[in-house]
Amino acid sequence: MTRRIIEHTADVRLRVEAASLEELFREAMLGMFEIMSCSAGVSPAFENVRIEIYSPDRTSLLVDFLNDVLSRAHIRKECFEEVRFDRLTETELVATLTGRTPARFEQDVKAVTYHEAEVRCEDGVWSTVLVFDI
């Protein structure tokens, strides 16, 4: 009997910088869909989807937000193109998502991880690094 561990690259990192917390969340979502490579679909924009998320801190809020959006993308076959925030604090998010049904996702993102994630603001620039399991 033999056993051998085979190394495999199973993640993609995305660095996001923005002028505001809202913009950081939006760009992180759009970056996730860029990684997934949504092939253009023919459907018109679908109805807006409203979401509410509560988390213990802003880094958890970002990761929880992206995982919620990712779950909706997989379950309902949706590729979100815009997010409008009605409320965004350190621990709470209320937003409306808008997008289209893609023909397909070229890359399968399974989850957004907490590994390396830390939302911070230095000299007026918001930033984070996100690790996506693929």
Protein backbone atom coordinates (compact mmCIF):
# COMPACT_ATOMS: atom_id res chain seq x y z
CA MET A 1 0.00 0.00 0.00
CA THR A 2 1.25 3.49 -0.78
CA ARG A 3 0.06 6.95 0.00
CA ARG A 4 1.20 10.15 -1.70
CA ILE A 5 0.02 13.71 -1.33
CA ILE A 6 -0.25 15.47 -4.67
CA GLU A 7 0.09 19.24 -4.51
CA HIS A 8 -2.50 21.22 -6.45
CA THR A 9 -3.03 24.95 -6.75
CA ALA A 10 -6.61 25.43 -5.73
CA ASP A 11 -6.95 29.12 -5.12
CA VAL A 12 -6.81 32.53 -6.74
CA ARG A 13 -5.85 35.72 -4.94
CA LEU A 14 -7.37 39.11 -5.68
CA ARG A 15 -5.99 42.38 -4.34
CA VAL A 16 -8.54 45.20 -4.21
CA GLU A 17 -7.92 48.89 -3.51
CA ALA A 18 -10.58 51.58 -3.46
CA ALA A 19 -11.33 55.13 -2.33
CA SER A 20 -14.23 54.08 -0.07
CA LEU A 21 -15.51 51.02 1.79
CA GLU A 22 -18.50 50.88 -0.58
CA GLU A 23 -16.22 50.89 -3.61
CA LEU A 24 -14.03 48.18 -2.04
CA PHE A 25 -17.03 45.87 -1.60
CA ARG A 26 -18.28 46.60 -5.14
CA GLU A 27 -14.87 46.03 -6.74
CA ALA A 28 -14.37 42.82 -4.75
CA MET A 29 -17.69 41.49 -6.07
CA LEU A 30 -16.87 42.48 -9.65
CA GLY A 31 -13.41 40.95 -9.29
CA MET A 32 -14.96 37.68 -8.13
CA PHE A 33 -17.16 37.57 -11.23
CA GLU A 34 -14.15 38.44 -13.38
CA ILE A 35 -12.40 35.36 -11.93
CA MET A 36 -15.51 33.28 -12.70
CA SER A 37 -15.48 34.62 -16.28
CA CYS A 38 -19.20 34.95 -16.81
CA SER A 39 -19.91 34.26 -20.48
CA ALA A 40 -22.41 36.75 -21.81
CA GLY A 41 -25.95 35.53 -21.69
CA VAL A 42 -28.89 36.71 -23.71
CA SER A 43 -31.28 37.37 -20.85
CA PRO A 44 -32.32 40.89 -19.93
CA ALA A 45 -31.42 42.23 -16.49
CA PHE A 46 -33.35 40.29 -13.88
CA GLU A 47 -35.20 41.82 -10.97
CA ASN A 48 -33.15 43.38 -8.25
CA VAL A 49 -32.20 41.10 -5.35
CA ARG A 50 -32.12 42.63 -1.87
CA ILE A 51 -29.70 41.22 0.71
CA GLU A 52 -29.02 41.89 4.39
CA ILE A 53 -25.87 40.63 6.13
CA TYR A 54 -24.66 41.04 9.70
CA SER A 55 -21.11 40.12 10.76
CA PRO A 56 -18.82 40.77 13.73
CA ASP A 57 -16.38 43.06 11.85
CA ARG A 58 -15.81 44.65 8.42
CA THR A 59 -13.46 41.91 7.15
CA SER A 60 -15.98 39.21 8.04
CA LEU A 61 -18.71 41.36 6.51
CA LEU A 62 -16.85 41.50 3.18
CA VAL A 63 -16.17 37.75 3.10
CA ASP A 64 -19.76 36.96 4.17
CA PHE A 65 -21.11 39.35 1.53
CA LEU A 66 -19.05 37.73 -1.23
CA ASN A 67 -20.01 34.21 -0.13
CA ASP A 68 -23.69 35.20 -0.08
CA VAL A 69 -23.40 36.65 -3.59
CA LEU A 70 -21.46 33.55 -4.74
CA SER A 71 -24.15 31.22 -3.36
CA ARG A 72 -26.85 33.15 -5.18
CA ALA A 73 -24.78 33.02 -8.39
CA HIS A 74 -24.49 29.24 -8.18
CA ILE A 75 -28.02 28.47 -7.03
CA ARG A 76 -29.89 30.87 -9.32
CA LYS A 77 -27.34 31.04 -12.16
CA GLU A 78 -26.86 34.79 -11.82
CA CYS A 79 -23.89 37.03 -12.60
CA PHE A 80 -24.25 40.29 -10.70
CA GLU A 81 -23.06 43.44 -12.43
CA GLU A 82 -23.98 46.09 -9.88
CA VAL A 83 -24.58 46.51 -6.17
CA ARG A 84 -26.29 49.51 -4.57
CA PHE A 85 -25.74 49.87 -0.83
CA ASP A 86 -28.61 51.20 1.24
CA ARG A 87 -26.59 50.67 4.42
CA LEU A 88 -22.95 49.72 4.91
CA THR A 89 -21.35 49.92 8.36
CA GLU A 90 -18.52 48.03 10.10
CA THR A 91 -20.89 45.12 10.84
CA GLU A 92 -24.03 45.48 8.71
CA LEU A 93 -24.84 45.57 5.03
CA VAL A 94 -28.15 46.14 3.26
CA ALA A 95 -27.86 46.19 -0.52
CA THR A 96 -29.57 45.55 -3.83
CA LEU A 97 -27.85 43.41 -6.47
CA THR A 98 -28.53 43.63 -10.20
CA GLY A 99 -27.25 41.38 -12.95
CA ARG A 100 -27.95 38.87 -15.72
CA THR A 101 -28.10 35.15 -16.30
CA PRO A 102 -24.78 34.15 -17.89
CA ALA A 103 -24.49 31.54 -20.61
CA ARG A 104 -22.00 29.82 -18.27
CA PHE A 105 -19.25 30.39 -15.72
CA GLU A 106 -15.83 29.57 -17.17
CA GLN A 107 -14.14 29.19 -13.76
CA ASP A 108 -15.75 27.55 -10.73
CA VAL A 109 -15.21 29.58 -7.57
CA LYS A 110 -16.26 27.39 -4.66
CA ALA A 111 -15.80 29.83 -1.77
CA VAL A 112 -14.28 33.06 -0.56
CA THR A 113 -11.95 32.36 2.38
CA TYR A 114 -10.92 34.36 5.42
CA HIS A 115 -7.29 33.42 4.73
CA GLU A 116 -5.24 36.61 4.22
CA ALA A 117 -8.37 38.79 4.28
CA GLU A 118 -8.09 42.00 6.25
CA VAL A 119 -10.03 45.09 5.26
CA ARG A 120 -8.01 48.15 6.18
CA CYS A 121 -7.75 51.83 5.40
CA GLU A 122 -4.39 53.59 5.16
CA ASP A 123 -3.98 57.16 3.95
CA GLY A 124 -7.55 57.19 2.65
CA VAL A 125 -7.13 54.01 0.58
CA TRP A 126 -9.21 50.95 1.46
CA SER A 127 -7.63 47.62 0.62
CA THR A 128 -7.72 43.86 1.12
CA VAL A 129 -6.45 40.62 -0.37
CA LEU A 130 -9.02 37.90 -0.96
CA VAL A 131 -8.37 34.21 -1.51
CA PHE A 132 -10.92 32.31 -3.61
CA ASP A 133 -11.10 28.50 -3.52
CA ILE A 134 -11.43 27.17 -7.05
